[in-house]
Amino acid sequence: NGGGIYHISYNQTADLNVEGCIFENNTAKYYGGAIFSYNVTEINISDSNFTQNDAKSYGGAIFTYKVSEMNIYNSDFTLNSAQFGGGVLIQNTTNVNIALSRFISNNASYGGGAYSYNSDLNIDNSSFNSNRANNNGGGVYSYYSDLNIDNSNFTANDAFNGAGLYIINSKSDVNLTNSSFSSNTALYGGGVYVWGDR
């Protein structure tokens, strides 16, 4: 796990800060092609590039689990791949903020650009272009997660369902503001597919 960085804390007191870095052609057998992070307090990633990283299972570039806060700022995720979460996979992470970042041509079975499970995901001024999911969620797959998207663009993403966004369990809060969905392709829900109880 963690083809570039393997980061784990047993008492959830450690932070991880990545600034101005390049992660390219890293591979993980299971989790986190470039970065694997578990049970830490805070992750900050800025001005960094993640290109052609691969995880055979979860999180082509980044996998996080049980993280209190994660911030991704002005970073690029391009041509990364995994079965779940081609760009990033976020699980049981309390507060995730993605801003001024670009997800381009990432690939997965579920969540080509990003996959969020039981997390609070906030996306602002970011773009998801030409990402692909063989099944659901070309741009973003949101599962039992609160999702807030503001001033962001989803363009030319592709999936079987939910090419731009695939949202399961709409009991979670979902807010889309001042964002555009264009030229996305899916059998159902080219822009947004919502499956849930409300």
N, C-alpha and C. Protein backbone atom coordinates (compact mmCIF):
# COMPACT_ATOMS: atom_id res chain seq x y z
N ASN A 1 0.83 -1.20 0.00
CA ASN A 1 0.00 0.00 0.00
C ASN A 1 0.87 1.26 0.00
N GLY A 2 0.35 2.33 -0.66
CA GLY A 2 1.07 3.59 -0.68
C GLY A 2 2.33 3.53 -1.52
N GLY A 3 2.16 3.56 -2.86
CA GLY A 3 3.32 3.43 -3.74
C GLY A 3 4.35 4.53 -3.55
N GLY A 4 3.91 5.74 -3.20
CA GLY A 4 4.84 6.84 -2.95
C GLY A 4 5.04 7.12 -1.47
N ILE A 5 3.93 7.23 -0.72
CA ILE A 5 3.97 7.51 0.72
C ILE A 5 3.02 6.57 1.45
N TYR A 6 3.52 5.94 2.51
CA TYR A 6 2.70 5.13 3.42
C TYR A 6 2.72 5.84 4.77
N HIS A 7 1.54 6.32 5.21
CA HIS A 7 1.47 7.17 6.40
C HIS A 7 0.39 6.64 7.33
N ILE A 8 0.78 6.23 8.53
CA ILE A 8 -0.17 5.65 9.47
C ILE A 8 0.14 6.14 10.87
N SER A 9 -0.92 6.42 11.64
CA SER A 9 -0.77 6.84 13.03
C SER A 9 -1.67 5.98 13.89
N TYR A 10 -1.13 5.48 14.99
CA TYR A 10 -1.91 4.60 15.86
C TYR A 10 -2.73 5.37 16.89
N ASN A 11 -2.40 6.66 17.11
CA ASN A 11 -3.14 7.44 18.09
C ASN A 11 -3.78 8.69 17.49
N GLN A 12 -3.84 8.77 16.17
CA GLN A 12 -4.48 9.86 15.42
C GLN A 12 -3.95 11.23 15.87
N THR A 13 -2.65 11.39 15.94
CA THR A 13 -2.06 12.67 16.30
C THR A 13 -1.15 13.23 15.20
N ALA A 14 -0.87 12.46 14.17
CA ALA A 14 0.08 12.87 13.14
C ALA A 14 -0.61 13.62 12.00
N ASP A 15 0.13 14.56 11.39
CA ASP A 15 -0.32 15.27 10.20
C ASP A 15 0.57 14.90 9.02
N LEU A 16 0.03 15.08 7.82
CA LEU A 16 0.81 14.89 6.60
C LEU A 16 0.65 16.13 5.73
N ASN A 17 1.78 16.76 5.37
CA ASN A 17 1.77 17.96 4.54
C ASN A 17 2.59 17.71 3.28
N VAL A 18 1.95 17.88 2.11
CA VAL A 18 2.60 17.68 0.83
C VAL A 18 2.44 18.96 0.02
N GLU A 19 3.54 19.59 -0.38
CA GLU A 19 3.49 20.85 -1.11
C GLU A 19 4.49 20.83 -2.26
N GLY A 20 4.01 21.18 -3.46
CA GLY A 20 4.88 21.30 -4.61
C GLY A 20 5.56 20.01 -5.01
N CYS A 21 4.85 18.90 -4.91
CA CYS A 21 5.45 17.59 -5.20
C CYS A 21 4.85 16.96 -6.46
N ILE A 22 5.60 16.05 -7.05
CA ILE A 22 5.15 15.30 -8.22
C ILE A 22 5.17 13.81 -7.87
N PHE A 23 4.02 13.16 -8.10
CA PHE A 23 3.91 11.71 -7.92
C PHE A 23 3.53 11.12 -9.28
N GLU A 24 4.42 10.32 -9.83
CA GLU A 24 4.22 9.82 -11.18
C GLU A 24 4.61 8.35 -11.28
N ASN A 25 3.72 7.57 -11.90
CA ASN A 25 3.98 6.14 -12.18
C ASN A 25 4.26 5.32 -10.93
N ASN A 26 3.60 5.66 -9.83
CA ASN A 26 3.68 4.82 -8.63
C ASN A 26 2.56 3.78 -8.66
N THR A 27 2.82 2.64 -8.00
CA THR A 27 1.86 1.54 -8.02
C THR A 27 1.72 0.93 -6.63
N ALA A 28 0.48 0.62 -6.26
CA ALA A 28 0.21 -0.11 -5.02
C ALA A 28 -0.62 -1.34 -5.35
N LYS A 29 -0.35 -2.41 -4.63
CA LYS A 29 -1.07 -3.64 -4.89
C LYS A 29 -2.53 -3.53 -4.50
N TYR A 30 -2.82 -2.78 -3.42
CA TYR A 30 -4.20 -2.68 -2.96
C TYR A 30 -4.67 -1.24 -2.81
N TYR A 31 -4.04 -0.44 -1.94
CA TYR A 31 -4.56 0.87 -1.55
C TYR A 31 -3.55 1.98 -1.83
N GLY A 32 -4.00 3.07 -2.49
CA GLY A 32 -3.21 4.27 -2.60
C GLY A 32 -2.00 4.16 -3.50
N GLY A 33 -2.22 4.36 -4.81
CA GLY A 33 -1.11 4.25 -5.74
C GLY A 33 0.05 5.17 -5.41
N ALA A 34 -0.25 6.41 -5.00
CA ALA A 34 0.79 7.36 -4.61
C ALA A 34 0.85 7.55 -3.10
N ILE A 35 -0.31 7.72 -2.44
CA ILE A 35 -0.34 7.99 -1.00
C ILE A 35 -1.38 7.12 -0.31
N PHE A 36 -0.98 6.49 0.78
CA PHE A 36 -1.88 5.77 1.68
C PHE A 36 -1.79 6.44 3.04
N SER A 37 -2.94 6.85 3.59
CA SER A 37 -2.93 7.52 4.90
C SER A 37 -4.08 6.99 5.75
N TYR A 38 -3.73 6.57 6.98
CA TYR A 38 -4.71 5.92 7.86
C TYR A 38 -4.62 6.50 9.27
N ASN A 39 -5.78 6.89 9.81
CA ASN A 39 -5.93 7.24 11.21
C ASN A 39 -5.04 8.43 11.61
N VAL A 40 -5.06 9.48 10.78
CA VAL A 40 -4.25 10.66 11.07
C VAL A 40 -5.17 11.86 11.31
N THR A 41 -4.60 12.92 11.84
CA THR A 41 -5.40 14.10 12.17
C THR A 41 -5.71 14.94 10.95
N GLU A 42 -4.69 15.26 10.17
CA GLU A 42 -4.89 16.20 9.06
C GLU A 42 -3.94 15.90 7.91
N ILE A 43 -4.47 16.02 6.69
CA ILE A 43 -3.67 15.89 5.48
C ILE A 43 -3.84 17.18 4.67
N ASN A 44 -2.72 17.79 4.28
CA ASN A 44 -2.75 18.99 3.45
C ASN A 44 -1.90 18.75 2.20
N ILE A 45 -2.54 18.86 1.03
CA ILE A 45 -1.85 18.66 -0.24
C ILE A 45 -2.07 19.92 -1.08
N SER A 46 -0.98 20.53 -1.54
CA SER A 46 -1.10 21.75 -2.32
C SER A 46 -0.06 21.79 -3.43
N ASP A 47 -0.46 22.42 -4.55
CA ASP A 47 0.46 22.68 -5.67
C ASP A 47 1.22 21.44 -6.09
N SER A 48 0.51 20.31 -6.16
CA SER A 48 1.15 19.03 -6.48
C SER A 48 0.47 18.36 -7.66
N ASN A 49 1.21 17.45 -8.31
CA ASN A 49 0.71 16.74 -9.48
C ASN A 49 0.78 15.23 -9.25
N PHE A 50 -0.32 14.57 -9.58
CA PHE A 50 -0.42 13.11 -9.48
C PHE A 50 -0.75 12.57 -10.87
N THR A 51 0.20 11.84 -11.47
CA THR A 51 0.04 11.43 -12.86
C THR A 51 0.36 9.95 -13.02
N GLN A 52 -0.57 9.23 -13.62
CA GLN A 52 -0.41 7.81 -13.99
C GLN A 52 -0.01 6.93 -12.79
N ASN A 53 -0.62 7.20 -11.66
CA ASN A 53 -0.47 6.30 -10.52
C ASN A 53 -1.59 5.26 -10.56
N ASP A 54 -1.32 4.11 -9.97
CA ASP A 54 -2.29 3.02 -10.06
C ASP A 54 -2.34 2.22 -8.77
N ALA A 55 -3.55 1.96 -8.31
CA ALA A 55 -3.78 1.01 -7.22
C ALA A 55 -4.72 -0.06 -7.74
N LYS A 56 -4.42 -1.30 -7.46
CA LYS A 56 -5.23 -2.37 -8.02
C LYS A 56 -6.64 -2.41 -7.42
N SER A 57 -6.81 -1.83 -6.22
CA SER A 57 -8.13 -1.85 -5.59
C SER A 57 -8.67 -0.44 -5.34
N TYR A 58 -8.08 0.32 -4.39
CA TYR A 58 -8.70 1.55 -3.92
C TYR A 58 -7.74 2.74 -3.99
N GLY A 59 -8.22 3.85 -4.61
CA GLY A 59 -7.47 5.09 -4.61
C GLY A 59 -6.26 5.09 -5.51
N GLY A 60 -6.49 5.37 -6.81
CA GLY A 60 -5.39 5.33 -7.76
C GLY A 60 -4.23 6.23 -7.37
N ALA A 61 -4.54 7.47 -6.96
CA ALA A 61 -3.49 8.38 -6.49
C ALA A 61 -3.44 8.41 -4.96
N ILE A 62 -4.60 8.60 -4.31
CA ILE A 62 -4.65 8.78 -2.86
C ILE A 62 -5.75 7.92 -2.25
N PHE A 63 -5.42 7.26 -1.15
CA PHE A 63 -6.41 6.56 -0.32
C PHE A 63 -6.30 7.08 1.10
N THR A 64 -7.43 7.51 1.68
CA THR A 64 -7.45 7.93 3.08
C THR A 64 -8.55 7.18 3.83
N TYR A 65 -8.26 6.86 5.09
CA TYR A 65 -9.23 6.19 5.96
C TYR A 65 -9.08 6.72 7.38
N LYS A 66 -10.20 7.13 7.98
CA LYS A 66 -10.22 7.64 9.35
C LYS A 66 -9.28 8.83 9.53
N VAL A 67 -9.51 9.85 8.71
CA VAL A 67 -8.75 11.10 8.79
C VAL A 67 -9.70 12.20 9.24
N SER A 68 -9.27 13.04 10.16
CA SER A 68 -10.15 14.09 10.67
C SER A 68 -10.38 15.19 9.64
N GLU A 69 -9.33 15.59 8.92
CA GLU A 69 -9.47 16.65 7.92
C GLU A 69 -8.48 16.44 6.79
N MET A 70 -8.97 16.68 5.57
CA MET A 70 -8.10 16.57 4.40
C MET A 70 -8.36 17.76 3.49
N ASN A 71 -7.27 18.44 3.08
CA ASN A 71 -7.37 19.61 2.21
C ASN A 71 -6.51 19.40 0.98
N ILE A 72 -7.13 19.50 -0.20
CA ILE A 72 -6.41 19.42 -1.47
C ILE A 72 -6.59 20.75 -2.17
N TYR A 73 -5.47 21.43 -2.48
CA TYR A 73 -5.53 22.78 -3.04
C TYR A 73 -4.62 22.88 -4.26
N ASN A 74 -5.17 23.39 -5.34
CA ASN A 74 -4.40 23.69 -6.55
C ASN A 74 -3.51 22.51 -6.97
N SER A 75 -4.13 21.36 -7.11
CA SER A 75 -3.39 20.15 -7.50
C SER A 75 -4.06 19.47 -8.68
N ASP A 76 -3.28 18.70 -9.42
CA ASP A 76 -3.75 18.02 -10.62
C ASP A 76 -3.68 16.51 -10.46
N PHE A 77 -4.76 15.85 -10.88
CA PHE A 77 -4.84 14.39 -10.87
C PHE A 77 -5.14 13.94 -12.30
N THR A 78 -4.18 13.29 -12.94
CA THR A 78 -4.29 12.98 -14.36
C THR A 78 -3.90 11.53 -14.63
N LEU A 79 -4.78 10.81 -15.31
CA LEU A 79 -4.51 9.45 -15.79
C LEU A 79 -4.18 8.47 -14.66
N ASN A 80 -4.78 8.67 -13.51
CA ASN A 80 -4.63 7.71 -12.41
C ASN A 80 -5.74 6.66 -12.52
N SER A 81 -5.54 5.49 -11.91
CA SER A 81 -6.52 4.42 -12.07
C SER A 81 -6.57 3.51 -10.85
N ALA A 82 -7.76 2.96 -10.62
CA ALA A 82 -8.01 1.98 -9.56
C ALA A 82 -9.36 1.34 -9.83
N GLN A 83 -9.69 0.33 -9.07
CA GLN A 83 -11.03 -0.23 -9.19
C GLN A 83 -12.06 0.71 -8.58
N PHE A 84 -11.73 1.29 -7.41
CA PHE A 84 -12.59 2.27 -6.75
C PHE A 84 -11.80 3.55 -6.54
N GLY A 85 -12.30 4.67 -7.10
CA GLY A 85 -11.62 5.95 -6.91
C GLY A 85 -10.35 6.08 -7.73
N GLY A 86 -10.51 6.35 -9.03
CA GLY A 86 -9.34 6.45 -9.89
C GLY A 86 -8.37 7.53 -9.45
N GLY A 87 -8.90 8.71 -9.09
CA GLY A 87 -8.05 9.78 -8.58
C GLY A 87 -7.82 9.65 -7.09
N VAL A 88 -8.89 9.77 -6.32
CA VAL A 88 -8.79 9.65 -4.86
C VAL A 88 -9.95 8.82 -4.33
N LEU A 89 -9.69 8.10 -3.22
CA LEU A 89 -10.75 7.43 -2.48
C LEU A 89 -10.66 7.89 -1.03
N ILE A 90 -11.79 8.41 -0.54
CA ILE A 90 -11.88 9.00 0.79
C ILE A 90 -12.89 8.19 1.59
N GLN A 91 -12.46 7.62 2.72
CA GLN A 91 -13.36 6.79 3.51
C GLN A 91 -13.30 7.20 4.98
N ASN A 92 -14.48 7.38 5.58
CA ASN A 92 -14.58 7.74 7.01
C ASN A 92 -13.69 8.94 7.34
N THR A 93 -13.75 9.93 6.50
CA THR A 93 -12.96 11.15 6.69
C THR A 93 -13.92 12.31 6.95
N THR A 94 -13.73 12.98 8.07
CA THR A 94 -14.73 13.91 8.58
C THR A 94 -14.93 15.12 7.68
N ASN A 95 -13.86 15.76 7.28
CA ASN A 95 -13.96 17.02 6.56
C ASN A 95 -12.95 17.02 5.41
N VAL A 96 -13.45 16.93 4.17
CA VAL A 96 -12.59 16.90 2.99
C VAL A 96 -12.89 18.13 2.15
N ASN A 97 -11.85 18.91 1.86
CA ASN A 97 -11.99 20.12 1.06
C ASN A 97 -11.08 20.04 -0.16
N ILE A 98 -11.70 20.08 -1.35
CA ILE A 98 -10.95 20.10 -2.60
C ILE A 98 -11.22 21.44 -3.27
N ALA A 99 -10.17 22.22 -3.53
CA ALA A 99 -10.33 23.55 -4.11
C ALA A 99 -9.30 23.81 -5.19
N LEU A 100 -9.74 24.50 -6.24
CA LEU A 100 -8.84 24.92 -7.34
C LEU A 100 -8.00 23.75 -7.85
N SER A 101 -8.63 22.59 -7.97
CA SER A 101 -7.93 21.39 -8.42
C SER A 101 -8.59 20.80 -9.65
N ARG A 102 -7.83 19.98 -10.37
CA ARG A 102 -8.28 19.46 -11.64
C ARG A 102 -8.10 17.94 -11.69
N PHE A 103 -9.17 17.25 -12.07
CA PHE A 103 -9.17 15.80 -12.22
C PHE A 103 -9.42 15.49 -13.69
N ILE A 104 -8.42 14.93 -14.36
CA ILE A 104 -8.47 14.78 -15.81
C ILE A 104 -8.12 13.34 -16.22
N SER A 105 -9.03 12.70 -16.93
CA SER A 105 -8.78 11.39 -17.56
C SER A 105 -8.35 10.32 -16.56
N ASN A 106 -8.95 10.35 -15.38
CA ASN A 106 -8.75 9.26 -14.43
C ASN A 106 -9.77 8.16 -14.71
N ASN A 107 -9.46 6.95 -14.28
CA ASN A 107 -10.30 5.81 -14.65
C ASN A 107 -10.50 4.85 -13.47
N ALA A 108 -11.72 4.34 -13.32
CA ALA A 108 -12.04 3.35 -12.30
C ALA A 108 -13.29 2.59 -12.71
N SER A 109 -13.59 1.54 -11.98
CA SER A 109 -14.89 0.89 -12.16
C SER A 109 -15.98 1.73 -11.49
N TYR A 110 -15.64 2.31 -10.32
CA TYR A 110 -16.56 3.17 -9.58
C TYR A 110 -15.81 4.43 -9.14
N GLY A 111 -16.31 5.60 -9.55
CA GLY A 111 -15.67 6.85 -9.15
C GLY A 111 -14.39 7.14 -9.90
N GLY A 112 -14.53 7.50 -11.18
CA GLY A 112 -13.34 7.74 -11.99
C GLY A 112 -12.44 8.82 -11.42
N GLY A 113 -13.02 9.97 -11.07
CA GLY A 113 -12.23 11.04 -10.49
C GLY A 113 -12.05 10.89 -9.00
N ALA A 114 -13.16 10.72 -8.28
CA ALA A 114 -13.10 10.61 -6.82
C ALA A 114 -14.23 9.72 -6.32
N TYR A 115 -13.95 9.03 -5.21
CA TYR A 115 -14.93 8.17 -4.54
C TYR A 115 -14.95 8.55 -3.07
N SER A 116 -16.14 8.93 -2.58
CA SER A 116 -16.29 9.33 -1.18
C SER A 116 -17.25 8.38 -0.48
N TYR A 117 -16.78 7.77 0.61
CA TYR A 117 -17.63 6.86 1.39
C TYR A 117 -17.68 7.34 2.84
N ASN A 118 -18.90 7.61 3.31
CA ASN A 118 -19.14 8.00 4.70
C ASN A 118 -18.22 9.15 5.13
N SER A 119 -18.17 10.18 4.28
CA SER A 119 -17.30 11.32 4.52
C SER A 119 -18.05 12.60 4.20
N ASP A 120 -17.50 13.74 4.58
CA ASP A 120 -18.04 15.05 4.23
C ASP A 120 -17.13 15.65 3.17
N LEU A 121 -17.64 15.74 1.93
CA LEU A 121 -16.82 16.17 0.80
C LEU A 121 -17.29 17.52 0.29
N ASN A 122 -16.36 18.47 0.26
CA ASN A 122 -16.63 19.81 -0.25
C ASN A 122 -15.71 20.09 -1.43
N ILE A 123 -16.31 20.42 -2.58
CA ILE A 123 -15.55 20.69 -3.80
C ILE A 123 -15.85 22.12 -4.24
N ASP A 124 -14.78 22.92 -4.42
CA ASP A 124 -14.96 24.33 -4.76
C ASP A 124 -14.00 24.73 -5.87
N ASN A 125 -14.53 25.40 -6.90
CA ASN A 125 -13.69 25.92 -7.98
C ASN A 125 -12.75 24.87 -8.55
N SER A 126 -13.29 23.70 -8.81
CA SER A 126 -12.50 22.60 -9.34
C SER A 126 -13.15 22.04 -10.59
N SER A 127 -12.40 21.24 -11.34
CA SER A 127 -12.94 20.69 -12.58
C SER A 127 -12.67 19.19 -12.67
N PHE A 128 -13.65 18.48 -13.23
CA PHE A 128 -13.57 17.04 -13.48
C PHE A 128 -13.84 16.85 -14.96
N ASN A 129 -12.77 16.56 -15.72
CA ASN A 129 -12.87 16.48 -17.17
C ASN A 129 -12.40 15.13 -17.69
N SER A 130 -13.22 14.50 -18.52
CA SER A 130 -12.85 13.28 -19.25
C SER A 130 -12.46 12.12 -18.33
N ASN A 131 -13.06 12.07 -17.16
CA ASN A 131 -12.87 10.91 -16.28
C ASN A 131 -13.86 9.82 -16.67
N ARG A 132 -13.50 8.57 -16.36
CA ARG A 132 -14.36 7.46 -16.78
C ARG A 132 -14.54 6.44 -15.67
N ALA A 133 -15.78 5.98 -15.51
CA ALA A 133 -16.08 4.84 -14.64
C ALA A 133 -16.76 3.78 -15.49
N ASN A 134 -16.26 2.58 -15.44
CA ASN A 134 -16.87 1.50 -16.21
C ASN A 134 -18.28 1.19 -15.71
N ASN A 135 -18.53 1.47 -14.44
CA ASN A 135 -19.86 1.28 -13.88
C ASN A 135 -20.49 2.63 -13.52
N ASN A 136 -20.26 3.12 -12.31
CA ASN A 136 -20.97 4.32 -11.86
C ASN A 136 -20.03 5.43 -11.40
N GLY A 137 -20.43 6.69 -11.69
CA GLY A 137 -19.71 7.84 -11.18
C GLY A 137 -18.44 8.18 -11.93
N GLY A 138 -18.60 8.71 -13.14
CA GLY A 138 -17.42 9.07 -13.92
C GLY A 138 -16.58 10.14 -13.25
N GLY A 139 -17.23 11.22 -12.80
CA GLY A 139 -16.51 12.28 -12.10
C GLY A 139 -16.35 11.98 -10.63
N VAL A 140 -17.48 11.87 -9.93
CA VAL A 140 -17.48 11.62 -8.48
C VAL A 140 -18.54 10.58 -8.13
N TYR A 141 -18.16 9.64 -7.28
CA TYR A 141 -19.09 8.66 -6.69
C TYR A 141 -19.20 8.98 -5.21
N SER A 142 -20.41 9.34 -4.78
CA SER A 142 -20.64 9.73 -3.38
C SER A 142 -21.57 8.72 -2.72
N TYR A 143 -21.06 8.04 -1.70
CA TYR A 143 -21.80 6.95 -1.06
C TYR A 143 -21.91 7.23 0.44
N TYR A 144 -23.14 7.47 0.91
CA TYR A 144 -23.39 7.80 2.31
C TYR A 144 -22.52 8.97 2.77
N SER A 145 -22.39 9.97 1.93
CA SER A 145 -21.54 11.11 2.23
C SER A 145 -22.30 12.41 2.04
N ASP A 146 -22.03 13.40 2.87
CA ASP A 146 -22.50 14.75 2.62
C ASP A 146 -21.64 15.33 1.51
N LEU A 147 -22.29 16.01 0.55
CA LEU A 147 -21.60 16.48 -0.63
C LEU A 147 -21.99 17.92 -0.93
N ASN A 148 -20.99 18.80 -0.99
CA ASN A 148 -21.20 20.20 -1.34
C ASN A 148 -20.28 20.56 -2.50
N ILE A 149 -20.88 21.01 -3.61
CA ILE A 149 -20.11 21.38 -4.79
C ILE A 149 -20.46 22.80 -5.18
N ASP A 150 -19.44 23.64 -5.33
CA ASP A 150 -19.65 25.05 -5.62
C ASP A 150 -18.68 25.51 -6.72
N ASN A 151 -19.22 26.24 -7.70
CA ASN A 151 -18.38 26.85 -8.75
C ASN A 151 -17.43 25.85 -9.40
N SER A 152 -17.94 24.67 -9.74
CA SER A 152 -17.10 23.63 -10.33
C SER A 152 -17.70 23.14 -11.65
N ASN A 153 -16.87 22.51 -12.46
CA ASN A 153 -17.28 22.07 -13.79
C ASN A 153 -17.05 20.57 -13.97
N PHE A 154 -18.04 19.91 -14.56
CA PHE A 154 -17.96 18.50 -14.88
C PHE A 154 -18.21 18.36 -16.39
N THR A 155 -17.16 18.00 -17.13
CA THR A 155 -17.23 18.03 -18.58
C THR A 155 -16.68 16.75 -19.19
N ALA A 156 -17.45 16.17 -20.12
CA ALA A 156 -17.01 15.03 -20.92
C ALA A 156 -16.59 13.83 -20.08
N ASN A 157 -17.25 13.63 -18.96
CA ASN A 157 -17.04 12.42 -18.18
C ASN A 157 -17.95 11.31 -18.70
N ASP A 158 -17.60 10.06 -18.40
CA ASP A 158 -18.33 8.94 -18.98
C ASP A 158 -18.52 7.85 -17.92
N ALA A 159 -19.74 7.27 -17.88
CA ALA A 159 -20.03 6.17 -16.96
C ALA A 159 -21.29 5.46 -17.43
N PHE A 160 -21.53 4.29 -16.87
CA PHE A 160 -22.78 3.59 -17.15
C PHE A 160 -23.94 4.36 -16.51
N ASN A 161 -23.79 4.74 -15.23
CA ASN A 161 -24.74 5.60 -14.54
C ASN A 161 -24.00 6.78 -13.91
N GLY A 162 -24.58 7.98 -14.02
CA GLY A 162 -24.01 9.14 -13.36
C GLY A 162 -22.63 9.52 -13.87
N ALA A 163 -22.58 10.02 -15.09
CA ALA A 163 -21.27 10.35 -15.67
C ALA A 163 -20.59 11.49 -14.91
N GLY A 164 -21.34 12.52 -14.55
CA GLY A 164 -20.77 13.59 -13.76
C GLY A 164 -20.69 13.22 -12.29
N LEU A 165 -21.86 12.95 -11.70
CA LEU A 165 -21.96 12.56 -10.30
C LEU A 165 -22.86 11.35 -10.15
N TYR A 166 -22.46 10.43 -9.29
CA TYR A 166 -23.33 9.32 -8.89
C TYR A 166 -23.47 9.40 -7.38
N ILE A 167 -24.71 9.59 -6.91
CA ILE A 167 -24.96 9.81 -5.49
C ILE A 167 -25.89 8.73 -4.99
N ILE A 168 -25.44 7.96 -4.01
CA ILE A 168 -26.25 6.90 -3.43
C ILE A 168 -26.55 7.23 -1.97
N ASN A 169 -27.80 7.02 -1.58
CA ASN A 169 -28.35 7.37 -0.28
C ASN A 169 -28.45 8.88 -0.11
N SER A 170 -29.52 9.43 -0.66
CA SER A 170 -29.70 10.88 -0.61
C SER A 170 -30.22 11.36 0.75
N LYS A 171 -30.25 10.48 1.79
CA LYS A 171 -30.47 10.98 3.14
C LYS A 171 -29.33 11.91 3.56
N SER A 172 -28.17 11.71 2.94
CA SER A 172 -27.06 12.63 3.16
C SER A 172 -27.38 13.96 2.47
N ASP A 173 -26.79 15.05 2.95
CA ASP A 173 -27.02 16.36 2.36
C ASP A 173 -26.22 16.50 1.08
N VAL A 174 -26.89 16.97 0.03
CA VAL A 174 -26.24 17.22 -1.25
C VAL A 174 -26.60 18.63 -1.70
N ASN A 175 -25.57 19.47 -1.93
CA ASN A 175 -25.78 20.84 -2.36
C ASN A 175 -24.89 21.13 -3.57
N LEU A 176 -25.52 21.50 -4.68
CA LEU A 176 -24.81 21.87 -5.90
C LEU A 176 -25.11 23.34 -6.19
N THR A 177 -24.07 24.17 -6.29
CA THR A 177 -24.25 25.61 -6.45
C THR A 177 -23.33 26.14 -7.54
N ASN A 178 -23.89 26.90 -8.47
CA ASN A 178 -23.11 27.61 -9.49
C ASN A 178 -22.12 26.69 -10.21
N SER A 179 -22.56 25.49 -10.52
CA SER A 179 -21.68 24.51 -11.18
C SER A 179 -22.29 24.09 -12.52
N SER A 180 -21.44 23.62 -13.43
CA SER A 180 -21.91 23.24 -14.76
C SER A 180 -21.60 21.78 -15.06
N PHE A 181 -22.53 21.15 -15.78
CA PHE A 181 -22.39 19.77 -16.23
C PHE A 181 -22.64 19.76 -17.73
N SER A 182 -21.60 19.43 -18.51
CA SER A 182 -21.76 19.50 -19.95
C SER A 182 -21.03 18.34 -20.63
N SER A 183 -21.66 17.82 -21.68
CA SER A 183 -21.08 16.78 -22.55
C SER A 183 -20.68 15.52 -21.79
N ASN A 184 -21.37 15.23 -20.68
CA ASN A 184 -21.16 13.98 -19.96
C ASN A 184 -22.05 12.90 -20.57
N THR A 185 -21.58 11.65 -20.55
CA THR A 185 -22.31 10.57 -21.24
C THR A 185 -22.55 9.39 -20.30
N ALA A 186 -23.82 9.00 -20.17
CA ALA A 186 -24.19 7.83 -19.36
C ALA A 186 -25.50 7.25 -19.89
N LEU A 187 -25.77 6.00 -19.56
CA LEU A 187 -27.07 5.43 -19.90
C LEU A 187 -28.16 6.12 -19.11
N TYR A 188 -27.91 6.33 -17.79
CA TYR A 188 -28.83 7.07 -16.94
C TYR A 188 -28.06 8.13 -16.17
N GLY A 189 -28.55 9.34 -16.23
CA GLY A 189 -27.94 10.42 -15.47
C GLY A 189 -26.63 10.90 -16.04
N GLY A 190 -26.69 11.51 -17.23
CA GLY A 190 -25.47 12.02 -17.83
C GLY A 190 -24.77 13.02 -16.93
N GLY A 191 -25.54 13.94 -16.35
CA GLY A 191 -24.96 14.91 -15.43
C GLY A 191 -24.90 14.37 -14.02
N VAL A 192 -26.08 14.06 -13.47
CA VAL A 192 -26.16 13.63 -12.06
C VAL A 192 -27.17 12.47 -11.94
N TYR A 193 -26.78 11.44 -11.22
CA TYR A 193 -27.66 10.32 -10.91
C TYR A 193 -27.77 10.24 -9.40
N VAL A 194 -29.02 10.30 -8.88
CA VAL A 194 -29.25 10.25 -7.43
C VAL A 194 -30.12 9.04 -7.14
N TRP A 195 -29.66 8.20 -6.20
CA TRP A 195 -30.44 7.04 -5.76
C TRP A 195 -30.49 7.05 -4.25
N GLY A 196 -31.70 7.23 -3.70
CA GLY A 196 -31.81 7.27 -2.25
C GLY A 196 -33.24 7.45 -1.81
N ASP A 197 -33.40 7.88 -0.55
CA ASP A 197 -34.71 7.91 0.08
C ASP A 197 -35.40 9.25 0.04
N ARG A 198 -34.70 10.28 -0.43
CA ARG A 198 -35.36 11.58 -0.51
C ARG A 198 -34.72 12.44 -1.60
